[in-house]
Protein backbone atom coordinates (compact mmCIF):
# COMPACT_ATOMS: atom_id res chain seq x y z
CA MET A 1 -14.20 3.41 65.11
CA TYR A 2 -13.90 5.77 62.12
CA ARG A 3 -17.66 5.99 61.74
CA PHE A 4 -17.90 8.08 64.86
CA MET A 5 -15.05 10.38 63.77
CA GLU A 6 -15.52 13.40 61.59
CA PRO A 7 -14.15 12.98 58.02
CA ASP A 8 -11.04 15.00 57.31
CA LEU A 9 -10.67 14.41 53.55
CA THR A 10 -12.92 15.22 50.59
CA ILE A 11 -12.34 13.22 47.40
CA TYR A 12 -13.72 14.42 44.07
CA VAL A 13 -14.24 12.05 41.14
CA MET A 14 -15.95 12.44 37.79
CA SER A 15 -19.38 10.91 37.23
CA LEU A 16 -20.78 9.52 33.99
CA ASN A 17 -22.65 12.81 33.47
CA ASN A 18 -19.34 14.73 33.49
CA ARG A 19 -20.07 16.18 36.90
CA LEU A 20 -17.93 16.14 40.00
CA ARG A 21 -19.08 13.99 42.87
CA ALA A 22 -17.64 14.40 46.38
CA PHE A 23 -16.87 11.57 48.82
CA LEU A 24 -16.06 12.21 52.50
CA SER A 25 -13.57 9.86 54.11
CA HIS A 26 -10.82 9.54 56.71
CA ARG A 27 -7.26 10.12 55.64
CA LYS A 28 -5.60 7.57 57.97
CA LEU A 29 -8.01 4.78 57.04
CA LEU A 30 -7.39 5.26 53.34
CA ALA A 31 -3.64 5.28 53.95
CA GLN A 32 -3.84 1.78 55.48
CA TYR A 33 -5.32 0.25 52.29
CA SER A 34 -3.89 2.46 49.54
CA GLY A 35 -0.31 3.45 48.80
CA TYR A 36 -1.58 6.42 46.83
CA PHE A 37 -3.37 7.90 49.86
CA LYS A 38 -0.45 6.99 52.11
CA THR A 39 1.76 9.42 50.19
CA LEU A 40 -0.86 12.13 50.84
CA GLU A 41 -1.19 11.42 54.55
CA ASP A 42 1.10 14.27 55.57
CA CYS A 43 -0.33 16.66 52.99
CA GLU A 44 -2.00 19.76 54.40
CA THR A 45 -4.79 19.92 51.83
CA ASN A 46 -8.10 18.27 52.62
CA LYS A 47 -9.40 18.08 49.02
CA ILE A 48 -8.21 15.61 46.38
CA PHE A 49 -9.33 15.11 42.78
CA ILE A 50 -8.88 11.71 41.08
CA PRO A 51 -9.53 12.00 37.31
CA ASP A 52 -9.09 8.36 36.19
CA ILE A 53 -11.80 6.76 38.36
CA THR A 54 -15.58 7.13 38.02
CA ASP A 55 -17.94 7.68 40.93
CA ASP A 56 -19.47 4.18 40.71
CA THR A 57 -16.06 2.52 40.84
CA PHE A 58 -14.80 4.69 43.69
CA SER A 59 -17.90 3.97 45.75
CA ILE A 60 -17.03 0.24 45.53
CA ILE A 61 -13.45 1.00 46.60
CA LEU A 62 -14.63 3.16 49.50
CA SER A 63 -17.08 0.47 50.63
CA TYR A 64 -14.23 -2.05 50.63
CA VAL A 65 -12.11 0.26 52.82
CA TYR A 66 -14.84 0.54 55.49
CA THR A 67 -16.39 -2.97 55.32
CA GLY A 68 -13.63 -5.19 53.93
CA MET A 69 -15.97 -6.54 51.21
CA LEU A 70 -15.20 -5.87 47.56
CA LYS A 71 -18.46 -5.94 45.61
CA ILE A 72 -17.34 -6.99 42.14
CA ASN A 73 -19.15 -8.75 39.32
CA ASN A 74 -18.70 -9.47 35.62
CA ILE A 75 -19.70 -5.91 34.69
CA ASN A 76 -17.48 -3.81 36.99
CA ILE A 77 -14.51 -6.16 37.45
CA HIS A 78 -12.26 -4.47 34.90
CA SER A 79 -12.93 -0.92 36.07
CA VAL A 80 -12.38 -1.92 39.71
CA LEU A 81 -9.15 -3.72 38.84
CA LEU A 82 -7.89 -0.62 37.04
CA ALA A 83 -8.81 1.54 40.03
CA THR A 84 -6.89 -0.74 42.44
CA HIS A 85 -3.80 -0.35 40.26
CA THR A 86 -4.21 3.43 40.16
CA LEU A 87 -4.60 3.71 43.93
CA HIS A 88 -1.89 1.09 44.67
CA MET A 89 -4.12 -1.35 46.56
CA PRO A 90 -2.38 -4.78 46.30
CA GLN A 91 -4.89 -6.74 48.40
CA ALA A 92 -7.86 -5.53 46.37
CA SER A 93 -5.96 -6.26 43.14
CA ASP A 94 -5.37 -9.86 44.25
CA MET A 95 -9.08 -10.25 44.99
CA CYS A 96 -9.92 -9.03 41.47
CA ARG A 97 -7.45 -11.43 39.87
CA GLN A 98 -8.80 -14.33 41.90
CA PHE A 99 -12.30 -13.43 40.77
CA LEU A 100 -11.22 -13.45 37.11
CA ILE A 101 -9.55 -16.85 37.51
CA THR A 102 -12.65 -18.43 39.00
CA GLN A 103 -14.90 -16.83 36.40
CA ASP A 104 -12.73 -18.13 33.56
CA GLN A 105 -12.97 -21.64 34.93
CA ASN A 106 -16.74 -21.39 35.12
CA ILE A 107 -17.16 -19.94 31.66
CA ILE A 108 -14.62 -21.97 29.69
CA LYS A 109 -15.37 -25.60 30.33
CA PRO A 110 -13.16 -28.41 29.07
CA ILE A 111 -14.48 -30.28 26.06
CA ALA A 112 -15.24 -33.90 26.83
CA LYS A 113 -13.59 -36.49 24.63
CA LEU A 114 -15.80 -38.60 22.42
CA PRO A 115 -15.98 -42.24 23.51
CA SER A 116 -14.09 -44.60 21.28
CA PHE A 117 -16.48 -46.99 19.50
CA THR A 118 -15.49 -49.99 17.44
CA ASP A 119 -17.87 -52.42 15.80
CA ALA A 120 -16.46 -55.91 15.51
CA SER A 121 -18.83 -56.75 12.67
CA VAL A 122 -17.42 -54.01 10.47
CA ILE A 123 -13.81 -55.15 10.78
CA GLN A 124 -13.04 -57.96 8.36
CA GLN A 125 -10.76 -60.73 9.45
CA PRO A 126 -7.87 -61.58 7.13
CA ASN A 127 -8.46 -64.59 4.87
CA GLU A 128 -5.49 -66.92 4.72
CA ASN A 129 -6.72 -68.67 1.52
CA ARG A 130 -7.05 -65.40 -0.39
CA THR A 131 -4.21 -64.67 -2.80
CA LEU A 132 -3.34 -61.46 -4.55
CA LYS A 133 -2.80 -61.36 -8.31
CA ILE A 134 0.49 -59.89 -9.39
CA SER A 135 0.25 -57.88 -12.58
CA GLU A 136 2.49 -59.28 -15.29
CA GLU A 137 4.75 -57.08 -17.36
CA SER A 138 3.38 -56.46 -20.85
CA ASN A 139 5.23 -55.41 -23.98
CA PHE A 140 2.37 -53.22 -25.16
CA LYS A 141 3.43 -49.80 -26.37
CA PRO A 142 0.94 -47.09 -27.34
CA PRO A 143 1.03 -45.91 -30.96
CA ILE A 144 2.95 -42.71 -31.60
CA ARG A 145 1.26 -40.05 -33.69
CA LYS A 146 3.19 -37.63 -35.90
CA GLU A 147 1.42 -34.58 -34.54
CA ASN A 148 2.68 -35.47 -31.06
CA ILE A 149 6.34 -35.51 -32.15
CA ILE A 150 8.33 -32.37 -31.28
CA LEU A 151 11.76 -31.92 -32.84
CA ASP A 152 14.37 -30.10 -30.83
CA ILE A 153 16.18 -28.14 -33.53
CA ALA A 154 18.58 -26.54 -31.05
CA SER A 155 20.07 -29.95 -30.23
CA CYS A 156 21.06 -30.70 -33.87
CA ASP A 157 24.74 -30.73 -34.69
CA GLY A 158 26.24 -28.41 -37.25
CA PRO A 159 26.62 -24.66 -37.74
CA VAL A 160 23.58 -22.46 -37.59
CA LYS A 161 23.36 -19.59 -40.09
CA PHE A 162 21.30 -16.47 -39.67
CA TYR A 163 20.23 -14.21 -42.52
CA ARG A 164 19.21 -10.63 -42.16
CA VAL A 165 16.04 -9.73 -44.02
CA LEU A 166 15.43 -6.08 -44.68
CA ASN A 167 11.98 -4.65 -44.61
CA LYS A 168 11.03 -3.60 -48.12
CA ASN A 169 8.55 -1.02 -46.90
CA TYR A 170 11.35 1.14 -45.46
CA LYS A 171 14.02 0.54 -48.11
CA GLY A 172 13.08 3.60 -50.11
CA ASP A 173 13.11 5.84 -47.03
CA GLU A 174 16.59 4.64 -46.10
CA ARG A 175 17.94 5.57 -49.51
CA LYS A 176 16.39 9.01 -49.36
CA SER A 177 17.65 9.60 -45.85
CA ALA A 178 21.13 8.42 -46.89
CA GLN A 179 21.14 10.89 -49.76
CA LYS A 180 19.99 13.72 -47.51
CA GLN A 181 22.54 13.01 -44.83
CA SER A 182 25.67 13.81 -46.94
CA TYR A 183 26.54 16.66 -49.31
CA ASN A 184 29.71 17.18 -51.31
CA CYS A 185 31.44 20.49 -51.83
CA LYS A 186 31.50 21.80 -55.41
CA TYR A 187 35.09 22.87 -55.24
CA CYS A 188 36.90 20.33 -53.08
CA ASN A 189 34.38 17.44 -53.21
CA HIS A 190 34.52 17.22 -49.41
CA PRO A 191 31.44 15.54 -47.83
CA PHE A 192 29.31 17.48 -45.34
CA LYS A 193 26.37 16.36 -43.18
CA SER A 194 24.18 19.36 -43.97
CA LYS A 195 23.82 21.92 -46.70
CA ARG A 196 23.44 25.57 -45.85
CA ASN A 197 21.89 28.10 -48.15
CA ASN A 198 23.13 31.64 -48.59
CA THR A 199 21.61 33.43 -45.65
CA SER A 200 22.84 36.62 -44.08
CA ILE A 201 25.84 34.83 -42.60
CA GLN A 202 29.42 35.98 -42.97
CA TYR A 203 31.45 33.40 -44.88
CA TYR A 204 35.22 32.98 -45.00
CA PRO A 205 36.58 32.48 -48.55
CA CYS A 206 39.47 30.25 -49.56
CA ARG A 207 42.28 32.20 -51.29
CA GLN A 208 43.22 29.29 -53.49
CA CYS A 209 39.89 28.20 -54.99
CA GLY A 210 37.44 30.86 -53.80
CA SER A 211 35.25 28.49 -51.73
CA LYS A 212 33.34 30.02 -48.85
CA PHE A 213 32.98 28.49 -45.40
CA PRO A 214 30.96 29.55 -42.32
CA SER A 215 34.04 29.61 -40.06
CA TYR A 216 37.75 30.02 -40.37
CA TYR A 217 38.26 26.52 -38.96
CA PHE A 218 36.76 24.97 -42.08
CA VAL A 219 38.85 27.26 -44.29
CA HIS A 220 42.01 26.09 -42.57
CA LYS A 221 40.94 22.47 -42.86
CA HIS A 222 40.04 22.97 -46.54
CA GLN A 223 43.43 24.48 -47.32
CA LYS A 224 45.24 21.52 -45.78
CA TYR A 225 43.10 19.15 -47.82
CA CYS A 226 43.86 21.07 -51.04
CA LYS A 227 47.63 21.06 -50.36
CA LYS A 228 47.64 17.29 -49.93
CA ASN A 229 45.90 16.78 -53.27
């Protein structure tokens, strides 16, 4: 019936050469098979562009709409199935799924089980007169070597003493560093960590003994020390 009617809808899809290809069809016929075209049935425009479907795939869909035969094979099955989901065509989607199920059964065949084979001549019958020898216990002990003996010193009873051994190579440096670390004052014999030479620094003298100190804090401390002695 629709073959004798003039097409009222132009559908544009992208080809493999990145060019638009136009398909002429009838709006009402497409709406019967596709939910996507059914939503566009009352639309005033007569041109539609579908970007996610190629021209080869859409030609198969359009042939199914007019003839009722879905020409699918192992090469185009996935692209046609995706197109049926995009255009909301449940009957065509079921046909694609059924095709995949039958193809999987033809490709993946069950593996036949190997026949069980037993040779009676290989199997030995039990001998009632045959006895098993039980190994007797022997008192043999292997010889123990001294080099194989390991003494556990940590398990011995008694106190354990540790001695500190100084390194002789650094003994002289320790004495020198000890001498350099402390200095005694000439006047009060008070020990100091460092010795300062007479640079252009203002010193504070002690009124009792005449000693000079870099700050008044040391002068005050020195005076207290002298009063105690």
